[in-house]
PDB file of all heavy atoms in Angstrom:
ATOM      1  N   THR A   1       6.499  -0.574   7.700  1.00  0.00           N
ATOM      2  CA  THR A   1       7.764  -0.068   7.081  1.00  0.00           C
ATOM      3  C   THR A   1       7.508   1.121   6.211  1.00  0.00           C
ATOM      4  O   THR A   1       8.366   2.176   6.264  1.00  0.00           O
ATOM      5  CB  THR A   1       8.388  -1.118   6.365  1.00  0.00           C
ATOM      6  OG1 THR A   1       7.517  -1.632   5.267  1.00  0.00           O
ATOM      7  CG2 THR A   1       8.928  -2.277   7.197  1.00  0.00           C
ATOM      8  N   THR A   2       6.339   1.243   5.515  1.00  0.00           N
ATOM      9  CA  THR A   2       6.166   2.481   4.736  1.00  0.00           C
ATOM     10  C   THR A   2       6.013   3.672   5.642  1.00  0.00           C
ATOM     11  O   THR A   2       6.550   4.752   5.358  1.00  0.00           O
ATOM     12  CB  THR A   2       4.853   2.224   3.998  1.00  0.00           C
ATOM     13  OG1 THR A   2       4.990   1.169   3.063  1.00  0.00           O
ATOM     14  CG2 THR A   2       4.428   3.477   3.165  1.00  0.00           C
ATOM     15  N   SER A   3       5.285   3.502   6.821  1.00  0.00           N
ATOM     16  CA  SER A   3       5.157   4.569   7.699  1.00  0.00           C
ATOM     17  C   SER A   3       6.504   5.001   8.279  1.00  0.00           C
ATOM     18  O   SER A   3       6.800   6.161   8.440  1.00  0.00           O
ATOM     19  CB  SER A   3       4.184   4.214   8.791  1.00  0.00           C
ATOM     20  OG  SER A   3       4.077   5.270   9.774  1.00  0.00           O
ATOM     21  N   LEU A   4       7.363   3.953   8.685  1.00  0.00           N
ATOM     22  CA  LEU A   4       8.691   4.249   9.221  1.00  0.00           C
ATOM     23  C   LEU A   4       9.482   4.952   8.232  1.00  0.00           C
ATOM     24  O   LEU A   4      10.107   5.931   8.632  1.00  0.00           O
ATOM     25  CB  LEU A   4       9.397   2.876   9.555  1.00  0.00           C
ATOM     26  CG  LEU A   4      10.763   2.848  10.021  1.00  0.00           C
ATOM     27  CD1 LEU A   4      10.847   3.426  11.397  1.00  0.00           C
ATOM     28  CD2 LEU A   4      11.406   1.503   9.908  1.00  0.00           C
ATOM     29  N   VAL A   5       9.517   4.647   7.024  1.00  0.00           N
ATOM     30  CA  VAL A   5      10.322   5.278   5.960  1.00  0.00           C
ATOM     31  C   VAL A   5       9.705   6.676   5.655  1.00  0.00           C
ATOM     32  O   VAL A   5      10.534   7.646   5.645  1.00  0.00           O
ATOM     33  CB  VAL A   5      10.430   4.379   4.630  1.00  0.00           C
ATOM     34  CG1 VAL A   5      11.017   5.224   3.517  1.00  0.00           C
ATOM     35  CG2 VAL A   5      11.117   3.144   4.820  1.00  0.00           C
ATOM     36  N   ASP A   6       8.463   6.741   5.445  1.00  0.00           N
ATOM     37  CA  ASP A   6       7.906   8.070   5.111  1.00  0.00           C
ATOM     38  C   ASP A   6       7.821   9.083   6.234  1.00  0.00           C
ATOM     39  O   ASP A   6       8.052  10.237   5.994  1.00  0.00           O
ATOM     40  CB  ASP A   6       6.389   7.877   4.569  1.00  0.00           C
ATOM     41  CG  ASP A   6       6.338   7.208   3.305  1.00  0.00           C
ATOM     42  OD1 ASP A   6       7.420   7.096   2.518  1.00  0.00           O
ATOM     43  OD2 ASP A   6       5.273   6.750   2.945  1.00  0.00           O
ATOM     44  N   ASN A   7       7.746   8.599   7.465  1.00  0.00           N
ATOM     45  CA  ASN A   7       7.477   9.510   8.640  1.00  0.00           C
ATOM     46  C   ASN A   7       8.733   9.717   9.469  1.00  0.00           C
ATOM     47  O   ASN A   7       8.726  10.717  10.281  1.00  0.00           O
ATOM     48  CB  ASN A   7       6.279   9.064   9.468  1.00  0.00           C
ATOM     49  CG  ASN A   7       5.069   9.136   8.700  1.00  0.00           C
ATOM     50  OD1 ASN A   7       4.797   9.888   7.775  1.00  0.00           O
ATOM     51  ND2 ASN A   7       4.179   8.103   8.854  1.00  0.00           N
ATOM     52  N   ILE A   8       9.751   8.805   9.361  1.00  0.00           N
ATOM     53  CA  ILE A   8      10.885   8.974  10.223  1.00  0.00           C
ATOM     54  C   ILE A   8      12.169   8.992   9.486  1.00  0.00           C
ATOM     55  O   ILE A   8      12.890   9.944   9.580  1.00  0.00           O
ATOM     56  CB  ILE A   8      10.914   7.678  11.247  1.00  0.00           C
ATOM     57  CG1 ILE A   8       9.685   7.909  12.203  1.00  0.00           C
ATOM     58  CG2 ILE A   8      12.278   7.698  11.983  1.00  0.00           C
ATOM     59  CD1 ILE A   8       9.467   6.695  13.166  1.00  0.00           C
ATOM     60  N   ILE A   9      12.383   7.969   8.611  1.00  0.00           N
ATOM     61  CA  ILE A   9      13.758   7.897   7.978  1.00  0.00           C
ATOM     62  C   ILE A   9      13.837   8.937   6.884  1.00  0.00           C
ATOM     63  O   ILE A   9      14.817   9.728   6.858  1.00  0.00           O
ATOM     64  CB  ILE A   9      13.884   6.484   7.205  1.00  0.00           C
ATOM     65  CG1 ILE A   9      13.932   5.507   8.272  1.00  0.00           C
ATOM     66  CG2 ILE A   9      15.131   6.459   6.392  1.00  0.00           C
ATOM     67  CD1 ILE A   9      14.013   3.972   7.803  1.00  0.00           C
ATOM     68  N   MET A  10      12.852   9.125   5.972  1.00  0.00           N
ATOM     69  CA  MET A  10      13.014  10.290   4.907  1.00  0.00           C
ATOM     70  C   MET A  10      13.110  11.576   5.695  1.00  0.00           C
ATOM     71  O   MET A  10      13.967  12.409   5.134  1.00  0.00           O
ATOM     72  CB  MET A  10      11.760  10.216   4.077  1.00  0.00           C
ATOM     73  CG  MET A  10      11.750   8.875   3.129  1.00  0.00           C
ATOM     74  SD  MET A  10      13.324   8.678   2.195  1.00  0.00           S
ATOM     75  CE  MET A  10      12.887   9.636   0.758  1.00  0.00           C
ATOM     76  N   PRO A  11      12.343  12.086   6.687  1.00  0.00           N
ATOM     77  CA  PRO A  11      12.613  13.327   7.123  1.00  0.00           C
ATOM     78  C   PRO A  11      14.031  13.493   7.825  1.00  0.00           C
ATOM     79  O   PRO A  11      14.523  14.530   7.694  1.00  0.00           O
ATOM     80  CB  PRO A  11      11.543  13.431   8.249  1.00  0.00           C
ATOM     81  CG  PRO A  11      10.442  12.584   7.719  1.00  0.00           C
ATOM     82  CD  PRO A  11      11.105  11.435   7.173  1.00  0.00           C
ATOM     83  N   LEU A  12      14.491  12.446   8.383  1.00  0.00           N
ATOM     84  CA  LEU A  12      15.870  12.439   8.896  1.00  0.00           C
ATOM     85  C   LEU A  12      16.964  12.574   7.796  1.00  0.00           C
ATOM     86  O   LEU A  12      17.889  13.415   7.975  1.00  0.00           O
ATOM     87  CB  LEU A  12      16.154  11.220   9.762  1.00  0.00           C
ATOM     88  CG  LEU A  12      15.434  11.063  11.187  1.00  0.00           C
ATOM     89  CD1 LEU A  12      15.848   9.686  11.753  1.00  0.00           C
ATOM     90  CD2 LEU A  12      15.884  12.139  12.001  1.00  0.00           C
ATOM     91  N   ILE A  13      16.694  11.931   6.738  1.00  0.00           N
ATOM     92  CA  ILE A  13      17.637  12.148   5.492  1.00  0.00           C
ATOM     93  C   ILE A  13      17.546  13.562   5.032  1.00  0.00           C
ATOM     94  O   ILE A  13      18.474  14.175   4.754  1.00  0.00           O
ATOM     95  CB  ILE A  13      17.369  11.052   4.446  1.00  0.00           C
ATOM     96  CG1 ILE A  13      17.650   9.689   4.884  1.00  0.00           C
ATOM     97  CG2 ILE A  13      18.026  11.376   3.217  1.00  0.00           C
ATOM     98  CD1 ILE A  13      17.220   8.468   3.998  1.00  0.00           C
ATOM     99  N   GLY A  14      16.290  14.046   4.956  1.00  0.00           N
ATOM    100  CA  GLY A  14      16.090  15.418   4.490  1.00  0.00           C
ATOM    101  C   GLY A  14      16.838  16.362   5.469  1.00  0.00           C
ATOM    102  O   GLY A  14      17.445  17.411   5.038  1.00  0.00           O
ATOM    103  N   LEU A  15      16.758  16.154   6.704  1.00  0.00           N
ATOM    104  CA  LEU A  15      17.387  17.085   7.706  1.00  0.00           C
ATOM    105  C   LEU A  15      18.942  17.080   7.487  1.00  0.00           C
ATOM    106  O   LEU A  15      19.536  18.078   7.507  1.00  0.00           O
ATOM    107  CB  LEU A  15      16.981  16.622   9.133  1.00  0.00           C
ATOM    108  CG  LEU A  15      17.670  17.485  10.287  1.00  0.00           C
ATOM    109  CD1 LEU A  15      17.049  18.862  10.272  1.00  0.00           C
ATOM    110  CD2 LEU A  15      17.331  16.797  11.649  1.00  0.00           C
ATOM    111  N   LEU A  16      19.488  15.760   7.240  1.00  0.00           N
ATOM    112  CA  LEU A  16      20.885  15.633   6.974  1.00  0.00           C
ATOM    113  C   LEU A  16      21.295  16.300   5.701  1.00  0.00           C
ATOM    114  O   LEU A  16      22.482  16.652   5.524  1.00  0.00           O
ATOM    115  CB  LEU A  16      21.353  14.254   6.975  1.00  0.00           C
ATOM    116  CG  LEU A  16      21.168  13.424   8.316  1.00  0.00           C
ATOM    117  CD1 LEU A  16      21.419  11.899   8.174  1.00  0.00           C
ATOM    118  CD2 LEU A  16      22.130  14.069   9.269  1.00  0.00           C
ATOM    119  N   THR A  17      20.470  16.458   4.693  1.00  0.00           N
ATOM    120  CA  THR A  17      20.772  17.034   3.433  1.00  0.00           C
ATOM    121  C   THR A  17      20.346  18.548   3.308  1.00  0.00           C
ATOM    122  O   THR A  17      20.303  19.050   2.289  1.00  0.00           O
ATOM    123  CB  THR A  17      20.109  16.264   2.260  1.00  0.00           C
ATOM    124  OG1 THR A  17      18.576  16.264   2.486  1.00  0.00           O
ATOM    125  CG2 THR A  17      20.586  14.874   2.223  1.00  0.00           C
ATOM    126  N   GLY A  18      20.088  19.189   4.520  1.00  0.00           N
ATOM    127  CA  GLY A  18      19.910  20.551   4.578  1.00  0.00           C
ATOM    128  C   GLY A  18      18.347  20.920   4.414  1.00  0.00           C
ATOM    129  O   GLY A  18      18.110  21.971   3.847  1.00  0.00           O
ATOM    130  N   GLY A  19      17.477  20.093   4.896  1.00  0.00           N
ATOM    131  CA  GLY A  19      16.061  20.442   4.913  1.00  0.00           C
ATOM    132  C   GLY A  19      15.384  20.155   3.685  1.00  0.00           C
ATOM    133  O   GLY A  19      14.187  20.671   3.450  1.00  0.00           O
ATOM    134  N   ILE A  20      15.939  19.361   2.728  1.00  0.00           N
ATOM    135  CA  ILE A  20      15.285  19.063   1.442  1.00  0.00           C
ATOM    136  C   ILE A  20      14.252  17.971   1.739  1.00  0.00           C
ATOM    137  O   ILE A  20      14.610  16.905   2.445  1.00  0.00           O
ATOM    138  CB  ILE A  20      16.184  18.494   0.446  1.00  0.00           C
ATOM    139  CG1 ILE A  20      17.198  19.709   0.139  1.00  0.00           C
ATOM    140  CG2 ILE A  20      15.679  18.130  -0.864  1.00  0.00           C
ATOM    141  CD1 ILE A  20      18.547  19.200  -0.798  1.00  0.00           C
ATOM    142  N   ASP A  21      13.043  18.083   1.232  1.00  0.00           N
ATOM    143  CA  ASP A  21      12.009  17.015   1.373  1.00  0.00           C
ATOM    144  C   ASP A  21      12.217  16.104   0.162  1.00  0.00           C
ATOM    145  O   ASP A  21      11.804  16.388  -0.864  1.00  0.00           O
ATOM    146  CB  ASP A  21      10.592  17.649   1.446  1.00  0.00           C
ATOM    147  CG  ASP A  21       9.542  16.607   1.618  1.00  0.00           C
ATOM    148  OD1 ASP A  21       9.885  15.366   1.875  1.00  0.00           O
ATOM    149  OD2 ASP A  21       8.397  16.951   1.563  1.00  0.00           O
ATOM    150  N   LEU A  22      12.844  14.931   0.542  1.00  0.00           N
ATOM    151  CA  LEU A  22      13.188  14.075  -0.537  1.00  0.00           C
ATOM    152  C   LEU A  22      11.968  13.332  -1.229  1.00  0.00           C
ATOM    153  O   LEU A  22      12.048  12.843  -2.353  1.00  0.00           O
ATOM    154  CB  LEU A  22      14.157  12.964  -0.041  1.00  0.00           C
ATOM    155  CG  LEU A  22      15.530  13.416   0.287  1.00  0.00           C
ATOM    156  CD1 LEU A  22      16.415  12.458   0.768  1.00  0.00           C
ATOM    157  CD2 LEU A  22      16.288  14.163  -0.903  1.00  0.00           C
ATOM    158  N   THR A  23      10.859  13.251  -0.445  1.00  0.00           N
ATOM    159  CA  THR A  23       9.619  12.588  -0.971  1.00  0.00           C
ATOM    160  C   THR A  23       9.060  13.456  -2.075  1.00  0.00           C
ATOM    161  O   THR A  23       8.398  12.874  -3.042  1.00  0.00           O
ATOM    162  CB  THR A  23       8.567  12.362   0.010  1.00  0.00           C
ATOM    163  OG1 THR A  23       8.314  13.583   0.661  1.00  0.00           O
ATOM    164  CG2 THR A  23       9.011  11.438   1.146  1.00  0.00           C
ATOM    165  N   LYS A  24       9.458  14.716  -2.245  1.00  0.00           N
ATOM    166  CA  LYS A  24       8.951  15.577  -3.294  1.00  0.00           C
ATOM    167  C   LYS A  24      10.066  15.849  -4.346  1.00  0.00           C
ATOM    168  O   LYS A  24       9.872  16.811  -5.090  1.00  0.00           O
ATOM    169  CB  LYS A  24       8.336  16.894  -2.611  1.00  0.00           C
ATOM    170  CG  LYS A  24       7.154  16.570  -1.782  1.00  0.00           C
ATOM    171  CD  LYS A  24       6.564  17.839  -1.307  1.00  0.00           C
ATOM    172  CE  LYS A  24       5.311  17.475  -0.565  1.00  0.00           C
ATOM    173  NZ  LYS A  24       4.962  18.257   0.536  1.00  0.00           N
ATOM    174  N   TRP A  25      11.099  15.071  -4.276  1.00  0.00           N
ATOM    175  CA  TRP A  25      12.163  15.375  -5.224  1.00  0.00           C
ATOM    176  C   TRP A  25      11.786  14.732  -6.450  1.00  0.00           C
ATOM    177  O   TRP A  25      11.771  13.453  -6.656  1.00  0.00           O
ATOM    178  CB  TRP A  25      13.468  14.602  -4.606  1.00  0.00           C
ATOM    179  CG  TRP A  25      14.810  14.819  -5.453  1.00  0.00           C
ATOM    180  CD1 TRP A  25      15.013  15.891  -6.321  1.00  0.00           C
ATOM    181  CD2 TRP A  25      15.808  13.916  -5.456  1.00  0.00           C
ATOM    182  NE1 TRP A  25      16.209  15.528  -6.906  1.00  0.00           N
ATOM    183  CE2 TRP A  25      16.749  14.460  -6.345  1.00  0.00           C
ATOM    184  CE3 TRP A  25      16.070  12.784  -4.851  1.00  0.00           C
ATOM    185  CZ2 TRP A  25      17.933  13.850  -6.738  1.00  0.00           C
ATOM    186  CZ3 TRP A  25      17.307  12.106  -5.136  1.00  0.00           C
ATOM    187  CH2 TRP A  25      18.169  12.682  -5.942  1.00  0.00           C
ATOM    188  N   ASP A  26      11.589  15.588  -7.501  1.00  0.00           N
ATOM    189  CA  ASP A  26      11.157  15.149  -8.805  1.00  0.00           C
ATOM    190  C   ASP A  26      12.086  15.789  -9.916  1.00  0.00           C
ATOM    191  O   ASP A  26      12.554  16.881  -9.682  1.00  0.00           O
ATOM    192  CB  ASP A  26       9.751  15.493  -9.145  1.00  0.00           C
ATOM    193  CG  ASP A  26       8.763  14.865  -8.234  1.00  0.00           C
ATOM    194  OD1 ASP A  26       8.959  13.749  -7.838  1.00  0.00           O
ATOM    195  OD2 ASP A  26       7.741  15.556  -7.841  1.00  0.00           O
ATOM    196  N   ILE A  27      12.256  15.106 -10.969  1.00  0.00           N
ATOM    197  CA  ILE A  27      12.920  15.597 -12.063  1.00  0.00           C
ATOM    198  C   ILE A  27      11.905  15.916 -13.156  1.00  0.00           C
ATOM    199  O   ILE A  27      11.216  14.959 -13.614  1.00  0.00           O
ATOM    200  CB  ILE A  27      14.012  14.594 -12.615  1.00  0.00           C
ATOM    201  CG1 ILE A  27      15.118  14.306 -11.575  1.00  0.00           C
ATOM    202  CG2 ILE A  27      14.638  15.182 -13.920  1.00  0.00           C
ATOM    203  CD1 ILE A  27      16.180  13.367 -11.901  1.00  0.00           C
ATOM    204  N   VAL A  28      11.803  17.134 -13.622  1.00  0.00           N
ATOM    205  CA  VAL A  28      10.814  17.578 -14.529  1.00  0.00           C
ATOM    206  C   VAL A  28      11.405  17.296 -15.942  1.00  0.00           C
ATOM    207  O   VAL A  28      12.431  17.883 -16.325  1.00  0.00           O
ATOM    208  CB  VAL A  28      10.486  19.132 -14.400  1.00  0.00           C
ATOM    209  CG1 VAL A  28       9.510  19.500 -15.386  1.00  0.00           C
ATOM    210  CG2 VAL A  28      10.023  19.302 -12.879  1.00  0.00           C
ATOM    211  N   LEU A  29      10.731  16.365 -16.609  1.00  0.00           N
ATOM    212  CA  LEU A  29      11.091  16.179 -17.998  1.00  0.00           C
ATOM    213  C   LEU A  29      10.409  17.201 -18.998  1.00  0.00           C
ATOM    214  O   LEU A  29      11.095  17.486 -19.941  1.00  0.00           O
ATOM    215  CB  LEU A  29      10.715  14.738 -18.304  1.00  0.00           C
ATOM    216  CG  LEU A  29      11.322  13.654 -17.624  1.00  0.00           C
ATOM    217  CD1 LEU A  29      10.777  12.161 -18.091  1.00  0.00           C
ATOM    218  CD2 LEU A  29      12.906  13.652 -17.812  1.00  0.00           C
ATOM    219  N   LYS A  30       9.205  17.468 -18.674  1.00  0.00           N
ATOM    220  CA  LYS A  30       8.532  18.371 -19.575  1.00  0.00           C
ATOM    221  C   LYS A  30       7.575  19.269 -18.594  1.00  0.00           C
ATOM    222  O   LYS A  30       6.755  18.665 -17.876  1.00  0.00           O
ATOM    223  CB  LYS A  30       7.659  17.662 -20.573  1.00  0.00           C
ATOM    224  CG  LYS A  30       6.888  18.535 -21.506  1.00  0.00           C
ATOM    225  CD  LYS A  30       6.043  17.723 -22.523  1.00  0.00           C
ATOM    226  CE  LYS A  30       5.199  18.606 -23.363  1.00  0.00           C
ATOM    227  NZ  LYS A  30       4.337  17.842 -24.155  1.00  0.00           N
ATOM    228  N   PRO A  31       7.809  20.495 -18.601  1.00  0.00           N
ATOM    229  CA  PRO A  31       7.061  21.336 -17.668  1.00  0.00           C
ATOM    230  C   PRO A  31       5.596  21.378 -17.986  1.00  0.00           C
ATOM    231  O   PRO A  31       5.176  21.152 -19.176  1.00  0.00           O
ATOM    232  CB  PRO A  31       7.647  22.707 -17.739  1.00  0.00           C
ATOM    233  CG  PRO A  31       8.576  22.776 -19.006  1.00  0.00           C
ATOM    234  CD  PRO A  31       8.884  21.332 -19.320  1.00  0.00           C
ATOM    235  N   ALA A  32       4.814  21.670 -16.978  1.00  0.00           N
ATOM    236  CA  ALA A  32       3.392  21.903 -17.329  1.00  0.00           C
ATOM    237  C   ALA A  32       3.090  23.063 -18.248  1.00  0.00           C
ATOM    238  O   ALA A  32       3.896  24.083 -18.242  1.00  0.00           O
ATOM    239  CB  ALA A  32       2.577  21.983 -16.001  1.00  0.00           C
ATOM    240  N   VAL A  33       2.013  22.951 -19.055  1.00  0.00           N
ATOM    241  CA  VAL A  33       1.694  23.984 -19.886  1.00  0.00           C
ATOM    242  C   VAL A  33       0.474  24.738 -19.299  1.00  0.00           C
ATOM    243  O   VAL A  33      -0.577  24.107 -19.016  1.00  0.00           O
ATOM    244  CB  VAL A  33       1.238  23.498 -21.267  1.00  0.00           C
ATOM    245  CG1 VAL A  33       0.792  24.665 -22.192  1.00  0.00           C
ATOM    246  CG2 VAL A  33       2.525  22.839 -21.997  1.00  0.00           C
ATOM    247  N   THR A  34       0.646  26.027 -18.965  1.00  0.00           N
ATOM    248  CA  THR A  34      -0.552  26.771 -18.540  1.00  0.00           C
ATOM    249  C   THR A  34      -1.049  27.874 -19.540  1.00  0.00           C
ATOM    250  O   THR A  34      -0.203  28.360 -20.279  1.00  0.00           O
ATOM    251  CB  THR A  34      -0.178  27.400 -17.206  1.00  0.00           C
ATOM    252  OG1 THR A  34       1.021  28.319 -17.447  1.00  0.00           O
ATOM    253  CG2 THR A  34       0.179  26.429 -16.102  1.00  0.00           C
ATOM    254  N   GLU A  35      -2.290  28.109 -19.560  1.00  0.00           N
ATOM    255  CA  GLU A  35      -2.822  29.082 -20.392  1.00  0.00           C
ATOM    256  C   GLU A  35      -3.831  29.891 -19.629  1.00  0.00           C
ATOM    257  O   GLU A  35      -4.446  29.496 -18.562  1.00  0.00           O
ATOM    258  CB  GLU A  35      -3.505  28.484 -21.641  1.00  0.00           C
ATOM    259  CG  GLU A  35      -2.601  27.677 -22.495  1.00  0.00           C
ATOM    260  CD  GLU A  35      -3.328  27.128 -23.704  1.00  0.00           C
ATOM    261  OE1 GLU A  35      -4.492  27.290 -23.878  1.00  0.00           O
ATOM    262  OE2 GLU A  35      -2.619  26.341 -24.428  1.00  0.00           O
ATOM    263  N   MET A  36      -4.078  31.118 -20.169  1.00  0.00           N
ATOM    264  CA  MET A  36      -5.094  31.930 -19.488  1.00  0.00           C
ATOM    265  C   MET A  36      -6.479  31.700 -20.222  1.00  0.00           C
ATOM    266  O   MET A  36      -6.536  31.863 -21.405  1.00  0.00           O
ATOM    267  CB  MET A  36      -4.711  33.542 -19.792  1.00  0.00           C
ATOM    268  CG  MET A  36      -5.556  34.491 -19.104  1.00  0.00           C
ATOM    269  SD  MET A  36      -5.398  34.500 -17.375  1.00  0.00           S
ATOM    270  CE  MET A  36      -3.987  35.405 -17.162  1.00  0.00           C
ATOM    271  N   VAL A  37      -7.491  31.140 -19.406  1.00  0.00           N
ATOM    272  CA  VAL A  37      -8.728  30.880 -19.976  1.00  0.00           C
ATOM    273  C   VAL A  37      -9.688  31.690 -19.122  1.00  0.00           C
ATOM    274  O   VAL A  37      -9.908  31.463 -17.941  1.00  0.00           O
ATOM    275  CB  VAL A  37      -9.023  29.391 -19.867  1.00  0.00           C
ATOM    276  CG1 VAL A  37     -10.353  28.910 -20.255  1.00  0.00           C
ATOM    277  CG2 VAL A  37      -7.914  28.568 -20.628  1.00  0.00           C
ATOM    278  N   ASP A  38     -10.476  32.570 -19.759  1.00  0.00           N
ATOM    279  CA  ASP A  38     -11.510  33.382 -19.055  1.00  0.00           C
ATOM    280  C   ASP A  38     -10.896  34.144 -17.986  1.00  0.00           C
ATOM    281  O   ASP A  38     -11.503  34.194 -16.889  1.00  0.00           O
ATOM    282  CB  ASP A  38     -12.673  32.589 -18.651  1.00  0.00           C
ATOM    283  CG  ASP A  38     -13.470  31.840 -19.849  1.00  0.00           C
ATOM    284  OD1 ASP A  38     -13.467  32.453 -20.946  1.00  0.00           O
ATOM    285  OD2 ASP A  38     -13.912  30.787 -19.674  1.00  0.00           O
ATOM    286  N   GLY A  39      -9.676  34.705 -18.052  1.00  0.00           N
ATOM    287  CA  GLY A  39      -9.053  35.447 -17.042  1.00  0.00           C
ATOM    288  C   GLY A  39      -8.430  34.579 -15.918  1.00  0.00           C
ATOM    289  O   GLY A  39      -7.957  35.138 -14.976  1.00  0.00           O
ATOM    290  N   VAL A  40      -8.470  33.304 -15.986  1.00  0.00           N
ATOM    291  CA  VAL A  40      -7.941  32.441 -15.012  1.00  0.00           C
ATOM    292  C   VAL A  40      -6.725  31.634 -15.588  1.00  0.00           C
ATOM    293  O   VAL A  40      -7.005  31.012 -16.624  1.00  0.00           O
ATOM    294  CB  VAL A  40      -8.987  31.548 -14.399  1.00  0.00           C
ATOM    295  CG1 VAL A  40      -8.491  30.576 -13.328  1.00  0.00           C
ATOM    296  CG2 VAL A  40     -10.102  32.361 -13.743  1.00  0.00           C
ATOM    297  N   MET A  41      -5.725  31.543 -14.845  1.00  0.00           N
ATOM    298  CA  MET A  41      -4.510  30.780 -15.327  1.00  0.00           C
ATOM    299  C   MET A  41      -4.865  29.262 -15.024  1.00  0.00           C
ATOM    300  O   MET A  41      -4.960  28.875 -13.798  1.00  0.00           O
ATOM    301  CB  MET A  41      -3.242  31.191 -14.642  1.00  0.00           C
ATOM    302  CG  MET A  41      -1.979  30.595 -15.194  1.00  0.00           C
ATOM    303  SD  MET A  41      -1.820  31.154 -16.927  1.00  0.00           S
ATOM    304  CE  MET A  41      -0.569  32.278 -16.720  1.00  0.00           C
ATOM    305  N   THR A  42      -4.920  28.427 -15.968  1.00  0.00           N
ATOM    306  CA  THR A  42      -5.191  27.041 -15.812  1.00  0.00           C
ATOM    307  C   THR A  42      -4.089  26.209 -16.415  1.00  0.00           C
ATOM    308  O   THR A  42      -3.490  26.547 -17.487  1.00  0.00           O
ATOM    309  CB  THR A  42      -6.634  26.541 -16.391  1.00  0.00           C
ATOM    310  OG1 THR A  42      -6.545  26.870 -17.749  1.00  0.00           O
ATOM    311  CG2 THR A  42      -7.714  27.377 -15.768  1.00  0.00           C
TER     312      THR A  42
END
């Protein structure tokens, strides 16, 4: 059932909602904090 939902039902629901991938639908409560460390953004 997990495979059925993840690989068939959720993509079909995403297609019906305009191509939105619902498995990656998240609500951000607090965004990630990034800083420049040694010339690299981490």
